[in-house]
C-alpha atoms as a PDB file:
ATOM      1  CA  UNK A   1      -4.481  48.149 107.265  1.00  0.00           C
ATOM      2  CA  UNK A   2      -6.348  45.183 105.217  1.00  0.00           C
ATOM      3  CA  UNK A   3      -5.058  41.351 102.648  1.00  0.00           C
ATOM      4  CA  UNK A   4      -4.836  42.572  99.354  1.00  0.00           C
ATOM      5  CA  UNK A   5      -7.601  42.385  96.760  1.00  0.00           C
ATOM      6  CA  UNK A   6      -5.462  38.883  95.284  1.00  0.00           C
ATOM      7  CA  UNK A   7      -3.721  37.681  97.873  1.00  0.00           C
ATOM      8  CA  UNK A   8      -2.699  34.157  96.091  1.00  0.00           C
ATOM      9  CA  UNK A   9       1.149  33.820  94.484  1.00  0.00           C
ATOM     10  CA  UNK A  10       2.464  30.415  94.960  1.00  0.00           C
ATOM     11  CA  UNK A  11       0.127  29.172  97.085  1.00  0.00           C
ATOM     12  CA  UNK A  12       1.602  31.819  99.705  1.00  0.00           C
ATOM     13  CA  UNK A  13      -0.726  33.799 101.384  1.00  0.00           C
ATOM     14  CA  UNK A  14      -0.069  38.108 100.778  1.00  0.00           C
ATOM     15  CA  UNK A  15      -0.299  40.901 103.581  1.00  0.00           C
ATOM     16  CA  UNK A  16      -0.211  44.125 101.832  1.00  0.00           C
ATOM     17  CA  UNK A  17      -0.468  46.805 104.753  1.00  0.00           C
ATOM     18  CA  UNK A  18      -1.777  49.826 102.885  1.00  0.00           C
ATOM     19  CA  UNK A  19      -0.322  52.558 104.473  1.00  0.00           C
ATOM     20  CA  UNK A  20       3.359  52.898 103.488  1.00  0.00           C
ATOM     21  CA  UNK A  21       3.016  49.931 100.395  1.00  0.00           C
ATOM     22  CA  UNK A  22       4.710  47.396 102.709  1.00  0.00           C
ATOM     23  CA  UNK A  23       4.226  43.339 102.047  1.00  0.00           C
ATOM     24  CA  UNK A  24       4.288  40.301 104.507  1.00  0.00           C
ATOM     25  CA  UNK A  25       4.569  36.944 102.910  1.00  0.00           C
ATOM     26  CA  UNK A  26       4.615  34.004 104.581  1.00  0.00           C
ATOM     27  CA  UNK A  27       7.866  32.331 103.975  1.00  0.00           C
ATOM     28  CA  UNK A  28       8.783  28.998 102.883  1.00  0.00           C
ATOM     29  CA  UNK A  29      11.395  27.065 100.931  1.00  0.00           C
ATOM     30  CA  UNK A  30       9.588  27.291  98.167  1.00  0.00           C
ATOM     31  CA  UNK A  31       9.062  30.949  97.802  1.00  0.00           C
ATOM     32  CA  UNK A  32      12.469  31.376  95.637  1.00  0.00           C
ATOM     33  CA  UNK A  33      10.163  31.705  92.414  1.00  0.00           C
ATOM     34  CA  UNK A  34       7.870  34.260  94.168  1.00  0.00           C
ATOM     35  CA  UNK A  35      11.322  36.001  95.467  1.00  0.00           C
ATOM     36  CA  UNK A  36      12.493  36.127  91.720  1.00  0.00           C
ATOM     37  CA  UNK A  37       9.696  37.235  90.275  1.00  0.00           C
ATOM     38  CA  UNK A  38       9.636  40.579  92.820  1.00  0.00           C
ATOM     39  CA  UNK A  39      12.581  41.619  91.929  1.00  0.00           C
ATOM     40  CA  UNK A  40      14.129  40.092  95.495  1.00  0.00           C
ATOM     41  CA  UNK A  41      17.806  41.146  95.456  1.00  0.00           C
ATOM     42  CA  UNK A  42      19.146  40.042  98.717  1.00  0.00           C
ATOM     43  CA  UNK A  43      17.724  40.276 102.544  1.00  0.00           C
ATOM     44  CA  UNK A  44      18.727  42.318 105.625  1.00  0.00           C
ATOM     45  CA  UNK A  45      18.680  40.293 109.132  1.00  0.00           C
ATOM     46  CA  UNK A  46      19.788  42.603 112.365  1.00  0.00           C
ATOM     47  CA  UNK A  47      20.103  39.542 115.475  1.00  0.00           C
ATOM     48  CA  UNK A  48      21.564  41.214 118.354  1.00  0.00           C
ATOM     49  CA  UNK A  49      24.733  43.830 117.535  1.00  0.00           C
ATOM     50  CA  UNK A  50      24.824  42.084 113.906  1.00  0.00           C
ATOM     51  CA  UNK A  51      23.346  43.138 110.702  1.00  0.00           C
ATOM     52  CA  UNK A  52      23.418  40.484 107.862  1.00  0.00           C
ATOM     53  CA  UNK A  53      22.735  41.390 104.589  1.00  0.00           C
ATOM     54  CA  UNK A  54      22.246  38.053 102.360  1.00  0.00           C
ATOM     55  CA  UNK A  55      22.472  38.492  98.479  1.00  0.00           C
ATOM     56  CA  UNK A  56      19.662  36.154  96.871  1.00  0.00           C
ATOM     57  CA  UNK A  57      20.272  33.941  95.174  1.00  0.00           C
ATOM     58  CA  UNK A  58      24.010  34.097  94.796  1.00  0.00           C
ATOM     59  CA  UNK A  59      25.082  31.004  95.009  1.00  0.00           C
ATOM     60  CA  UNK A  60      28.748  30.101  94.698  1.00  0.00           C
ATOM     61  CA  UNK A  61      31.336  27.459  94.983  1.00  0.00           C
ATOM     62  CA  UNK A  62      32.248  26.378  90.960  1.00  0.00           C
ATOM     63  CA  UNK A  63      35.513  25.290  90.392  1.00  0.00           C
ATOM     64  CA  UNK A  64      34.656  24.595  86.924  1.00  0.00           C
ATOM     65  CA  UNK A  65      36.402  27.324  84.722  1.00  0.00           C
ATOM     66  CA  UNK A  66      34.928  25.453  81.667  1.00  0.00           C
ATOM     67  CA  UNK A  67      31.041  26.889  82.228  1.00  0.00           C
ATOM     68  CA  UNK A  68      32.497  29.901  84.314  1.00  0.00           C
ATOM     69  CA  UNK A  69      31.490  32.938  82.461  1.00  0.00           C
ATOM     70  CA  UNK A  70      29.619  36.338  82.576  1.00  0.00           C
ATOM     71  CA  UNK A  71      26.239  36.811  80.290  1.00  0.00           C
ATOM     72  CA  UNK A  72      26.544  40.325  79.083  1.00  0.00           C
ATOM     73  CA  UNK A  73      22.444  39.962  78.549  1.00  0.00           C
ATOM     74  CA  UNK A  74      21.808  39.132  82.054  1.00  0.00           C
ATOM     75  CA  UNK A  75      24.935  39.974  84.159  1.00  0.00           C
ATOM     76  CA  UNK A  76      24.634  36.241  85.061  1.00  0.00           C
ATOM     77  CA  UNK A  77      27.919  34.581  86.886  1.00  0.00           C
ATOM     78  CA  UNK A  78      27.205  31.418  84.865  1.00  0.00           C
ATOM     79  CA  UNK A  79      28.891  28.402  86.552  1.00  0.00           C
ATOM     80  CA  UNK A  80      26.873  25.116  87.750  1.00  0.00           C
ATOM     81  CA  UNK A  81      25.162  27.613  90.154  1.00  0.00           C
ATOM     82  CA  UNK A  82      24.396  30.923  87.836  1.00  0.00           C
ATOM     83  CA  UNK A  83      24.475  33.878  90.361  1.00  0.00           C
ATOM     84  CA  UNK A  84      22.549  37.099  89.136  1.00  0.00           C
ATOM     85  CA  UNK A  85      25.669  39.424  89.228  1.00  0.00           C
ATOM     86  CA  UNK A  86      23.428  42.199  88.971  1.00  0.00           C
ATOM     87  CA  UNK A  87      21.440  41.725  92.620  1.00  0.00           C
ATOM     88  CA  UNK A  88      24.941  41.096  94.488  1.00  0.00           C
ATOM     89  CA  UNK A  89      25.800  44.738  92.977  1.00  0.00           C
ATOM     90  CA  UNK A  90      22.151  46.564  94.413  1.00  0.00           C
ATOM     91  CA  UNK A  91      22.595  43.843  97.764  1.00  0.00           C
ATOM     92  CA  UNK A  92      26.464  45.524  98.032  1.00  0.00           C
ATOM     93  CA  UNK A  93      25.296  49.084  97.570  1.00  0.00           C
ATOM     94  CA  UNK A  94      22.633  48.098 100.180  1.00  0.00           C
ATOM     95  CA  UNK A  95      25.067  47.018 102.181  1.00  0.00           C
ATOM     96  CA  UNK A  96      27.615  49.974 102.091  1.00  0.00           C
ATOM     97  CA  UNK A  97      24.332  52.430 102.586  1.00  0.00           C
ATOM     98  CA  UNK A  98      23.824  50.438 106.010  1.00  0.00           C
ATOM     99  CA  UNK A  99      27.232  50.862 107.038  1.00  0.00           C
ATOM    100  CA  UNK A 100      27.537  54.808 106.115  1.00  0.00           C
ATOM    101  CA  UNK A 101      24.443  55.923 107.770  1.00  0.00           C
ATOM    102  CA  UNK A 102      24.524  53.702 110.896  1.00  0.00           C
ATOM    103  CA  UNK A 103      28.831  53.773 111.181  1.00  0.00           C
ATOM    104  CA  UNK A 104      28.581  50.508 112.074  1.00  0.00           C
ATOM    105  CA  UNK A 105      31.751  48.386 110.748  1.00  0.00           C
ATOM    106  CA  UNK A 106      31.253  46.679 107.507  1.00  0.00           C
ATOM    107  CA  UNK A 107      32.291  42.840 107.156  1.00  0.00           C
ATOM    108  CA  UNK A 108      32.712  41.192 104.092  1.00  0.00           C
ATOM    109  CA  UNK A 109      32.658  37.943 103.553  1.00  0.00           C
ATOM    110  CA  UNK A 110      33.432  36.493 100.329  1.00  0.00           C
ATOM    111  CA  UNK A 111      35.882  33.466  98.918  1.00  0.00           C
ATOM    112  CA  UNK A 112      37.572  35.177  96.064  1.00  0.00           C
ATOM    113  CA  UNK A 113      40.482  32.739  96.733  1.00  0.00           C
ATOM    114  CA  UNK A 114      38.823  29.444  96.065  1.00  0.00           C
ATOM    115  CA  UNK A 115      35.008  29.705  94.305  1.00  0.00           C
ATOM    116  CA  UNK A 116      35.262  32.065  91.155  1.00  0.00           C
ATOM    117  CA  UNK A 117      31.683  33.426  91.576  1.00  0.00           C
ATOM    118  CA  UNK A 118      32.966  35.175  94.599  1.00  0.00           C
ATOM    119  CA  UNK A 119      35.841  36.208  92.489  1.00  0.00           C
ATOM    120  CA  UNK A 120      33.250  38.613  90.524  1.00  0.00           C
ATOM    121  CA  UNK A 121      31.416  39.077  93.793  1.00  0.00           C
ATOM    122  CA  UNK A 122      34.366  40.661  95.347  1.00  0.00           C
ATOM    123  CA  UNK A 123      35.601  42.693  92.583  1.00  0.00           C
ATOM    124  CA  UNK A 124      31.633  44.550  92.305  1.00  0.00           C
ATOM    125  CA  UNK A 125      32.737  45.590  95.795  1.00  0.00           C
ATOM    126  CA  UNK A 126      36.042  46.321  95.008  1.00  0.00           C
ATOM    127  CA  UNK A 127      34.656  48.565  91.849  1.00  0.00           C
ATOM    128  CA  UNK A 128      31.553  49.923  94.286  1.00  0.00           C
ATOM    129  CA  UNK A 129      34.136  51.368  96.889  1.00  0.00           C
ATOM    130  CA  UNK A 130      36.436  53.339  94.455  1.00  0.00           C
ATOM    131  CA  UNK A 131      36.072  56.834  94.887  1.00  0.00           C
ATOM    132  CA  UNK A 132      34.384  56.881  97.899  1.00  0.00           C
ATOM    133  CA  UNK A 133      35.159  57.569 101.415  1.00  0.00           C
ATOM    134  CA  UNK A 134      34.991  54.157 102.518  1.00  0.00           C
ATOM    135  CA  UNK A 135      38.585  53.379 104.730  1.00  0.00           C
ATOM    136  CA  UNK A 136      39.366  49.543 104.185  1.00  0.00           C
ATOM    137  CA  UNK A 137      41.107  47.856 106.884  1.00  0.00           C
ATOM    138  CA  UNK A 138      41.877  44.277 106.019  1.00  0.00           C
ATOM    139  CA  UNK A 139      42.534  43.300 102.037  1.00  0.00           C
ATOM    140  CA  UNK A 140      41.726  40.890  99.918  1.00  0.00           C
ATOM    141  CA  UNK A 141      45.726  40.789  98.786  1.00  0.00           C
ATOM    142  CA  UNK A 142      45.072  41.061  94.982  1.00  0.00           C
ATOM    143  CA  UNK A 143      42.255  43.721  93.808  1.00  0.00           C
ATOM    144  CA  UNK A 144      39.651  41.303  92.529  1.00  0.00           C
ATOM    145  CA  UNK A 145      38.500  44.690  90.076  1.00  0.00           C
ATOM    146  CA  UNK A 146      41.515  44.600  88.030  1.00  0.00           C
ATOM    147  CA  UNK A 147      41.369  40.420  87.729  1.00  0.00           C
ATOM    148  CA  UNK A 148      38.581  40.055  86.890  1.00  0.00           C
ATOM    149  CA  UNK A 149      37.607  43.281  84.991  1.00  0.00           C
ATOM    150  CA  UNK A 150      36.392  42.352  81.918  1.00  0.00           C
ATOM    151  CA  UNK A 151      33.611  39.813  83.474  1.00  0.00           C
ATOM    152  CA  UNK A 152      32.609  42.932  86.118  1.00  0.00           C
ATOM    153  CA  UNK A 153      32.291  45.370  83.504  1.00  0.00           C
ATOM    154  CA  UNK A 154      29.755  43.380  81.821  1.00  0.00           C
ATOM    155  CA  UNK A 155      27.271  43.840  84.591  1.00  0.00           C
ATOM    156  CA  UNK A 156      28.199  47.423  84.957  1.00  0.00           C
ATOM    157  CA  UNK A 157      27.016  48.023  81.829  1.00  0.00           C
ATOM    158  CA  UNK A 158      23.536  46.273  82.723  1.00  0.00           C
ATOM    159  CA  UNK A 159      23.201  49.009  86.078  1.00  0.00           C
ATOM    160  CA  UNK A 160      21.742  52.374  85.414  1.00  0.00           C
ATOM    161  CA  UNK A 161      23.873  55.253  84.882  1.00  0.00           C
ATOM    162  CA  UNK A 162      22.949  56.759  87.831  1.00  0.00           C
ATOM    163  CA  UNK A 163      23.787  53.607  90.091  1.00  0.00           C
ATOM    164  CA  UNK A 164      26.859  55.030  92.245  1.00  0.00           C
ATOM    165  CA  UNK A 165      25.802  58.711  92.763  1.00  0.00           C
ATOM    166  CA  UNK A 166      25.874  60.200  95.608  1.00  0.00           C
ATOM    167  CA  UNK A 167      27.779  57.740  96.547  1.00  0.00           C
ATOM    168  CA  UNK A 168      31.548  59.617  96.842  1.00  0.00           C
ATOM    169  CA  UNK A 169      30.439  60.977  99.644  1.00  0.00           C
ATOM    170  CA  UNK A 170      30.053  57.809 101.813  1.00  0.00           C
ATOM    171  CA  UNK A 171      32.241  56.777 104.347  1.00  0.00           C
ATOM    172  CA  UNK A 172      33.018  54.145 106.865  1.00  0.00           C
ATOM    173  CA  UNK A 173      35.487  51.051 107.853  1.00  0.00           C
ATOM    174  CA  UNK A 174      35.221  48.082 105.988  1.00  0.00           C
ATOM    175  CA  UNK A 175      37.006  44.894 106.618  1.00  0.00           C
ATOM    176  CA  UNK A 176      37.414  42.780 103.550  1.00  0.00           C
ATOM    177  CA  UNK A 177      37.510  38.511 104.859  1.00  0.00           C
ATOM    178  CA  UNK A 178      37.385  35.123 103.582  1.00  0.00           C
ATOM    179  CA  UNK A 179      34.194  34.283 103.874  1.00  0.00           C
ATOM    180  CA  UNK A 180      34.996  31.164 106.275  1.00  0.00           C
ATOM    181  CA  UNK A 181      36.594  33.875 108.895  1.00  0.00           C
ATOM    182  CA  UNK A 182      32.986  35.483 109.532  1.00  0.00           C
ATOM    183  CA  UNK A 183      32.051  32.244 111.548  1.00  0.00           C
ATOM    184  CA  UNK A 184      34.508  32.797 114.309  1.00  0.00           C
ATOM    185  CA  UNK A 185      34.278  36.605 114.378  1.00  0.00           C
ATOM    186  CA  UNK A 186      31.143  36.440 114.249  1.00  0.00           C
ATOM    187  CA  UNK A 187      31.378  34.842 117.907  1.00  0.00           C
ATOM    188  CA  UNK A 188      33.572  37.340 118.471  1.00  0.00           C
ATOM    189  CA  UNK A 189      31.231  40.422 117.662  1.00  0.00           C
ATOM    190  CA  UNK A 190      28.521  38.719 119.391  1.00  0.00           C
ATOM    191  CA  UNK A 191      30.475  38.691 122.407  1.00  0.00           C
ATOM    192  CA  UNK A 192      32.097  41.456 122.461  1.00  0.00           C
ATOM    193  CA  UNK A 193      29.136  43.248 121.639  1.00  0.00           C
ATOM    194  CA  UNK A 194      30.304  44.632 118.554  1.00  0.00           C
ATOM    195  CA  UNK A 195      27.810  46.462 115.969  1.00  0.00           C
ATOM    196  CA  UNK A 196      28.192  44.907 112.294  1.00  0.00           C
ATOM    197  CA  UNK A 197      26.931  44.567 109.176  1.00  0.00           C
ATOM    198  CA  UNK A 198      28.560  41.689 107.296  1.00  0.00           C
ATOM    199  CA  UNK A 199      27.723  41.631 103.693  1.00  0.00           C
ATOM    200  CA  UNK A 200      27.658  37.769 102.441  1.00  0.00           C
ATOM    201  CA  UNK A 201      26.397  35.572  99.593  1.00  0.00           C
ATOM    202  CA  UNK A 202      23.240  33.791  99.808  1.00  0.00           C
ATOM    203  CA  UNK A 203      24.870  30.126 100.650  1.00  0.00           C
ATOM    204  CA  UNK A 204      27.367  31.985 103.361  1.00  0.00           C
ATOM    205  CA  UNK A 205      24.535  34.347 104.646  1.00  0.00           C
ATOM    206  CA  UNK A 206      22.408  30.841 105.393  1.00  0.00           C
ATOM    207  CA  UNK A 207      25.010  30.225 107.524  1.00  0.00           C
ATOM    208  CA  UNK A 208      26.144  32.946 108.698  1.00  0.00           C
ATOM    209  CA  UNK A 209      22.409  33.719 110.116  1.00  0.00           C
ATOM    210  CA  UNK A 210      21.890  30.121 111.340  1.00  0.00           C
ATOM    211  CA  UNK A 211      24.834  30.025 113.457  1.00  0.00           C
ATOM    212  CA  UNK A 212      23.330  33.617 115.126  1.00  0.00           C
ATOM    213  CA  UNK A 213      20.485  32.443 115.542  1.00  0.00           C
ATOM    214  CA  UNK A 214      21.554  29.328 117.413  1.00  0.00           C
ATOM    215  CA  UNK A 215      24.800  30.040 119.372  1.00  0.00           C
ATOM    216  CA  UNK A 216      23.470  32.157 122.022  1.00  0.00           C
ATOM    217  CA  UNK A 217      22.486  29.118 123.936  1.00  0.00           C
ATOM    218  CA  UNK A 218      25.366  27.218 124.325  1.00  0.00           C
ATOM    219  CA  UNK A 219      27.042  30.010 125.187  1.00  0.00           C
ATOM    220  CA  UNK A 220      24.060  30.721 127.948  1.00  0.00           C
ATOM    221  CA  UNK A 221      24.990  26.624 128.680  1.00  0.00           C
ATOM    222  CA  UNK A 222      28.548  27.033 128.930  1.00  0.00           C
ATOM    223  CA  UNK A 223      28.736  30.295 131.257  1.00  0.00           C
ATOM    224  CA  UNK A 224      26.664  27.783 133.207  1.00  0.00           C
ATOM    225  CA  UNK A 225      28.839  24.694 133.516  1.00  0.00           C
ATOM    226  CA  UNK A 226      31.928  27.419 134.219  1.00  0.00           C
ATOM    227  CA  UNK A 227      29.669  28.567 136.751  1.00  0.00           C
ATOM    228  CA  UNK A 228      28.551  25.274 137.807  1.00  0.00           C
ATOM    229  CA  UNK A 229      32.660  24.482 138.361  1.00  0.00           C
ATOM    230  CA  UNK A 230      32.903  27.445 140.510  1.00  0.00           C
ATOM    231  CA  UNK A 231      30.416  26.334 142.963  1.00  0.00           C
ATOM    232  CA  UNK A 232      28.269  28.958 141.870  1.00  0.00           C
ATOM    233  CA  UNK A 233      24.086  28.236 141.244  1.00  0.00           C
ATOM    234  CA  UNK A 234      23.504  30.798 138.237  1.00  0.00           C
ATOM    235  CA  UNK A 235      20.646  30.891 135.934  1.00  0.00           C
ATOM    236  CA  UNK A 236      22.497  32.258 132.907  1.00  0.00           C
ATOM    237  CA  UNK A 237      19.229  33.386 131.165  1.00  0.00           C
ATOM    238  CA  UNK A 238      19.042  36.368 133.858  1.00  0.00           C
ATOM    239  CA  UNK A 239      23.000  36.373 133.635  1.00  0.00           C
ATOM    240  CA  UNK A 240      23.053  36.846 129.942  1.00  0.00           C
ATOM    241  CA  UNK A 241      20.176  39.505 130.418  1.00  0.00           C
ATOM    242  CA  UNK A 242      22.394  41.293 133.055  1.00  0.00           C
ATOM    243  CA  UNK A 243      25.623  41.378 131.102  1.00  0.00           C
ATOM    244  CA  UNK A 244      23.279  43.365 128.476  1.00  0.00           C
ATOM    245  CA  UNK A 245      23.220  40.528 125.795  1.00  0.00           C
ATOM    246  CA  UNK A 246      19.455  41.071 123.821  1.00  0.00           C
ATOM    247  CA  UNK A 247      19.789  37.883 121.845  1.00  0.00           C
ATOM    248  CA  UNK A 248      17.593  35.147 122.536  1.00  0.00           C
ATOM    249  CA  UNK A 249      17.696  31.825 120.201  1.00  0.00           C
ATOM    250  CA  UNK A 250      16.399  33.368 117.113  1.00  0.00           C
ATOM    251  CA  UNK A 251      12.668  32.854 117.401  1.00  0.00           C
ATOM    252  CA  UNK A 252      12.772  37.062 117.062  1.00  0.00           C
ATOM    253  CA  UNK A 253      15.284  37.627 113.738  1.00  0.00           C
ATOM    254  CA  UNK A 254      13.342  39.255 111.577  1.00  0.00           C
ATOM    255  CA  UNK A 255      13.977  39.656 107.824  1.00  0.00           C
ATOM    256  CA  UNK A 256      13.359  41.831 105.566  1.00  0.00           C
ATOM    257  CA  UNK A 257      13.676  41.331 101.491  1.00  0.00           C
ATOM    258  CA  UNK A 258      14.909  43.910  99.640  1.00  0.00           C
ATOM    259  CA  UNK A 259      13.699  44.504  95.738  1.00  0.00           C
ATOM    260  CA  UNK A 260      15.208  46.432  92.464  1.00  0.00           C
ATOM    261  CA  UNK A 261      11.814  47.864  92.824  1.00  0.00           C
ATOM    262  CA  UNK A 262       8.916  48.157  95.087  1.00  0.00           C
ATOM    263  CA  UNK A 263       8.356  48.095  98.981  1.00  0.00           C
ATOM    264  CA  UNK A 264      10.453  45.854 100.797  1.00  0.00           C
ATOM    265  CA  UNK A 265       8.972  42.397 102.241  1.00  0.00           C
ATOM    266  CA  UNK A 266       9.247  41.205 105.577  1.00  0.00           C
ATOM    267  CA  UNK A 267       9.227  37.929 105.574  1.00  0.00           C
ATOM    268  CA  UNK A 268       6.671  35.830 108.112  1.00  0.00           C
ATOM    269  CA  UNK A 269       9.102  32.458 108.519  1.00  0.00           C
ATOM    270  CA  UNK A 270       6.666  30.051 109.656  1.00  0.00           C
ATOM    271  CA  UNK A 271       7.400  26.495 110.985  1.00  0.00           C
ATOM    272  CA  UNK A 272       5.948  23.296 108.595  1.00  0.00           C
ATOM    273  CA  UNK A 273       2.129  22.666 110.145  1.00  0.00           C
ATOM    274  CA  UNK A 274       2.496  18.595 109.106  1.00  0.00           C
ATOM    275  CA  UNK A 275       5.773  18.770 111.246  1.00  0.00           C
ATOM    276  CA  UNK A 276       4.150  20.684 114.015  1.00  0.00           C
ATOM    277  CA  UNK A 277       1.509  17.948 114.013  1.00  0.00           C
ATOM    278  CA  UNK A 278       2.892  14.863 113.981  1.00  0.00           C
ATOM    279  CA  UNK A 279       4.906  16.553 117.488  1.00  0.00           C
ATOM    280  CA  UNK A 280       1.857  16.830 118.656  1.00  0.00           C
ATOM    281  CA  UNK A 281       0.452  13.653 117.937  1.00  0.00           C
ATOM    282  CA  UNK A 282       3.993  11.952 118.926  1.00  0.00           C
ATOM    283  CA  UNK A 283       3.495  13.473 122.868  1.00  0.00           C
ATOM    284  CA  UNK A 284       6.727  15.155 122.342  1.00  0.00           C
ATOM    285  CA  UNK A 285       5.015  17.933 124.057  1.00  0.00           C
ATOM    286  CA  UNK A 286       3.132  16.649 126.743  1.00  0.00           C
ATOM    287  CA  UNK A 287       5.049  13.452 127.615  1.00  0.00           C
ATOM    288  CA  UNK A 288       8.921  14.129 128.191  1.00  0.00           C
ATOM    289  CA  UNK A 289      10.277  14.022 124.718  1.00  0.00           C
ATOM    290  CA  UNK A 290      13.238  15.757 122.899  1.00  0.00           C
ATOM    291  CA  UNK A 291      11.946  19.243 122.246  1.00  0.00           C
ATOM    292  CA  UNK A 292      10.334  22.146 124.015  1.00  0.00           C
ATOM    293  CA  UNK A 293       6.473  22.952 123.080  1.00  0.00           C
ATOM    294  CA  UNK A 294       6.634  25.442 120.585  1.00  0.00           C
ATOM    295  CA  UNK A 295       7.130  28.840 120.899  1.00  0.00           C
ATOM    296  CA  UNK A 296       5.032  31.201 118.553  1.00  0.00           C
ATOM    297  CA  UNK A 297       7.308  34.403 119.452  1.00  0.00           C
ATOM    298  CA  UNK A 298       8.990  34.748 116.172  1.00  0.00           C
ATOM    299  CA  UNK A 299       5.612  34.884 113.806  1.00  0.00           C
ATOM    300  CA  UNK A 300       4.126  38.127 116.709  1.00  0.00           C
ATOM    301  CA  UNK A 301       7.500  39.508 116.320  1.00  0.00           C
ATOM    302  CA  UNK A 302       7.822  40.037 112.245  1.00  0.00           C
ATOM    303  CA  UNK A 303       4.351  40.995 111.977  1.00  0.00           C
ATOM    304  CA  UNK A 304       4.954  43.707 115.079  1.00  0.00           C
ATOM    305  CA  UNK A 305       8.009  45.021 112.545  1.00  0.00           C
ATOM    306  CA  UNK A 306       5.835  45.058 109.248  1.00  0.00           C
ATOM    307  CA  UNK A 307       2.809  46.985 110.649  1.00  0.00           C
ATOM    308  CA  UNK A 308       5.386  49.766 113.034  1.00  0.00           C
ATOM    309  CA  UNK A 309       7.474  50.134 109.511  1.00  0.00           C
ATOM    310  CA  UNK A 310       3.870  50.521 107.449  1.00  0.00           C
ATOM    311  CA  UNK A 311       2.797  52.963 110.785  1.00  0.00           C
ATOM    312  CA  UNK A 312       5.810  54.724 112.210  1.00  0.00           C
ATOM    313  CA  UNK A 313       3.693  57.330 113.716  1.00  0.00           C
ATOM    314  CA  UNK A 314       0.981  55.357 115.679  1.00  0.00           C
ATOM    315  CA  UNK A 315       1.693  55.566 118.831  1.00  0.00           C
ATOM    316  CA  UNK A 316      -1.345  54.210 119.913  1.00  0.00           C
ATOM    317  CA  UNK A 317      -0.610  50.750 117.354  1.00  0.00           C
ATOM    318  CA  UNK A 318       2.993  50.493 118.522  1.00  0.00           C
ATOM    319  CA  UNK A 319       1.422  50.583 122.254  1.00  0.00           C
ATOM    320  CA  UNK A 320      -0.879  47.692 121.627  1.00  0.00           C
ATOM    321  CA  UNK A 321       1.974  45.672 119.911  1.00  0.00           C
ATOM    322  CA  UNK A 322       4.722  46.088 122.349  1.00  0.00           C
ATOM    323  CA  UNK A 323       2.094  44.912 125.559  1.00  0.00           C
ATOM    324  CA  UNK A 324       0.863  41.856 122.996  1.00  0.00           C
ATOM    325  CA  UNK A 325       4.796  41.297 122.872  1.00  0.00           C
ATOM    326  CA  UNK A 326       4.948  41.287 126.591  1.00  0.00           C
ATOM    327  CA  UNK A 327       2.186  39.347 126.750  1.00  0.00           C
ATOM    328  CA  UNK A 328       3.998  36.769 124.731  1.00  0.00           C
ATOM    329  CA  UNK A 329       6.876  36.567 127.213  1.00  0.00           C
ATOM    330  CA  UNK A 330       5.383  35.917 130.096  1.00  0.00           C
ATOM    331  CA  UNK A 331       3.436  33.241 128.784  1.00  0.00           C
ATOM    332  CA  UNK A 332       6.276  31.327 127.207  1.00  0.00           C
ATOM    333  CA  UNK A 333       9.122  32.432 129.821  1.00  0.00           C
ATOM    334  CA  UNK A 334       9.983  29.533 132.140  1.00  0.00           C
ATOM    335  CA  UNK A 335       8.299  26.041 131.567  1.00  0.00           C
ATOM    336  CA  UNK A 336       6.901  26.802 128.352  1.00  0.00           C
ATOM    337  CA  UNK A 337       2.548  25.960 128.140  1.00  0.00           C
ATOM    338  CA  UNK A 338       1.524  23.335 124.915  1.00  0.00           C
ATOM    339  CA  UNK A 339       0.425  24.207 122.168  1.00  0.00           C
ATOM    340  CA  UNK A 340      -3.296  24.455 122.656  1.00  0.00           C
ATOM    341  CA  UNK A 341      -2.399  25.415 126.126  1.00  0.00           C
ATOM    342  CA  UNK A 342      -0.062  28.761 125.093  1.00  0.00           C
ATOM    343  CA  UNK A 343      -3.130  29.641 122.817  1.00  0.00           C
ATOM    344  CA  UNK A 344      -5.637  29.582 125.143  1.00  0.00           C
ATOM    345  CA  UNK A 345      -3.199  31.752 127.097  1.00  0.00           C
ATOM    346  CA  UNK A 346      -3.209  34.390 124.479  1.00  0.00           C
ATOM    347  CA  UNK A 347      -6.479  34.332 123.885  1.00  0.00           C
ATOM    348  CA  UNK A 348      -6.994  35.500 127.459  1.00  0.00           C
ATOM    349  CA  UNK A 349      -4.739  37.542 127.730  1.00  0.00           C
ATOM    350  CA  UNK A 350      -4.594  39.449 124.297  1.00  0.00           C
ATOM    351  CA  UNK A 351      -7.610  42.413 123.736  1.00  0.00           C
ATOM    352  CA  UNK A 352      -7.408  41.793 120.057  1.00  0.00           C
ATOM    353  CA  UNK A 353      -6.849  45.576 118.205  1.00  0.00           C
ATOM    354  CA  UNK A 354      -9.981  47.420 117.949  1.00  0.00           C
ATOM    355  CA  UNK A 355     -11.934  45.605 119.763  1.00  0.00           C
END
């Protein structure tokens, strides 16, 4: 496990985990060119019972019919957004493979009734499940493939000849939803602990994962209000865990980006360093500010995920990482320490790997 010989792309550190060829990058919004160069077509974000497969970039929504078409050379759905149809085909196939392999319910989050790109995206999905064993419950009113067949066939022509090989044996249950519906469904799936996988564009996937990351805190707070109304003093965090829920507040939501060729990329999402410094200088952590002290747990969770993927049979490494994560949770449980105090506590409690 070592840093790559040439670790800088676009000012971004690349950490290559040599065994297994896994890659970790420090993620920032400016990484879009890096993702494009690396051939990224989607990222997969599991959290609690819900996994979001988010096609990248795939940014609907255009309603300008004058500029709408599919480029037969590139497969780009040309509008104001230029969504790449080939990437959506790959994301769709990964979504179907996950549904097939896990037995989880599949939900499609498109808006073909309004966004013209999503007419193409939903049509690619409809073409993809033809000849498979997938059962579709809720269906779009019209077959979006037949509606946009000529344009979708231009994208299909750019895919490898063996793109659907083996898919005739894939199966599972899929529900096709208008994208907006998924926001409410996500809440029900989370509350009812329903295992499901959602296929979304970059635009909707961003909002779905943000909601997934943020919603547990208000649900816990609301349960506290109900308990108080009933005359009970309840530790809602403990109650949440006792009820079998595993989601915190998004600090441990992993992100794995898949690409056309080469190993997946584990993206280590980092908060802005200058924003962190401003919080410290403003006294927000120590003088009754609005934010709790920073919790660096997510960075460790993402690094742990990457190293375990690269070293699946290393029981000693797994134990060290799990013990370190347990230490993180002890240090940051309850009233969080300030940034520097927390760092000092972690340094004192965690013995470095190999020491």
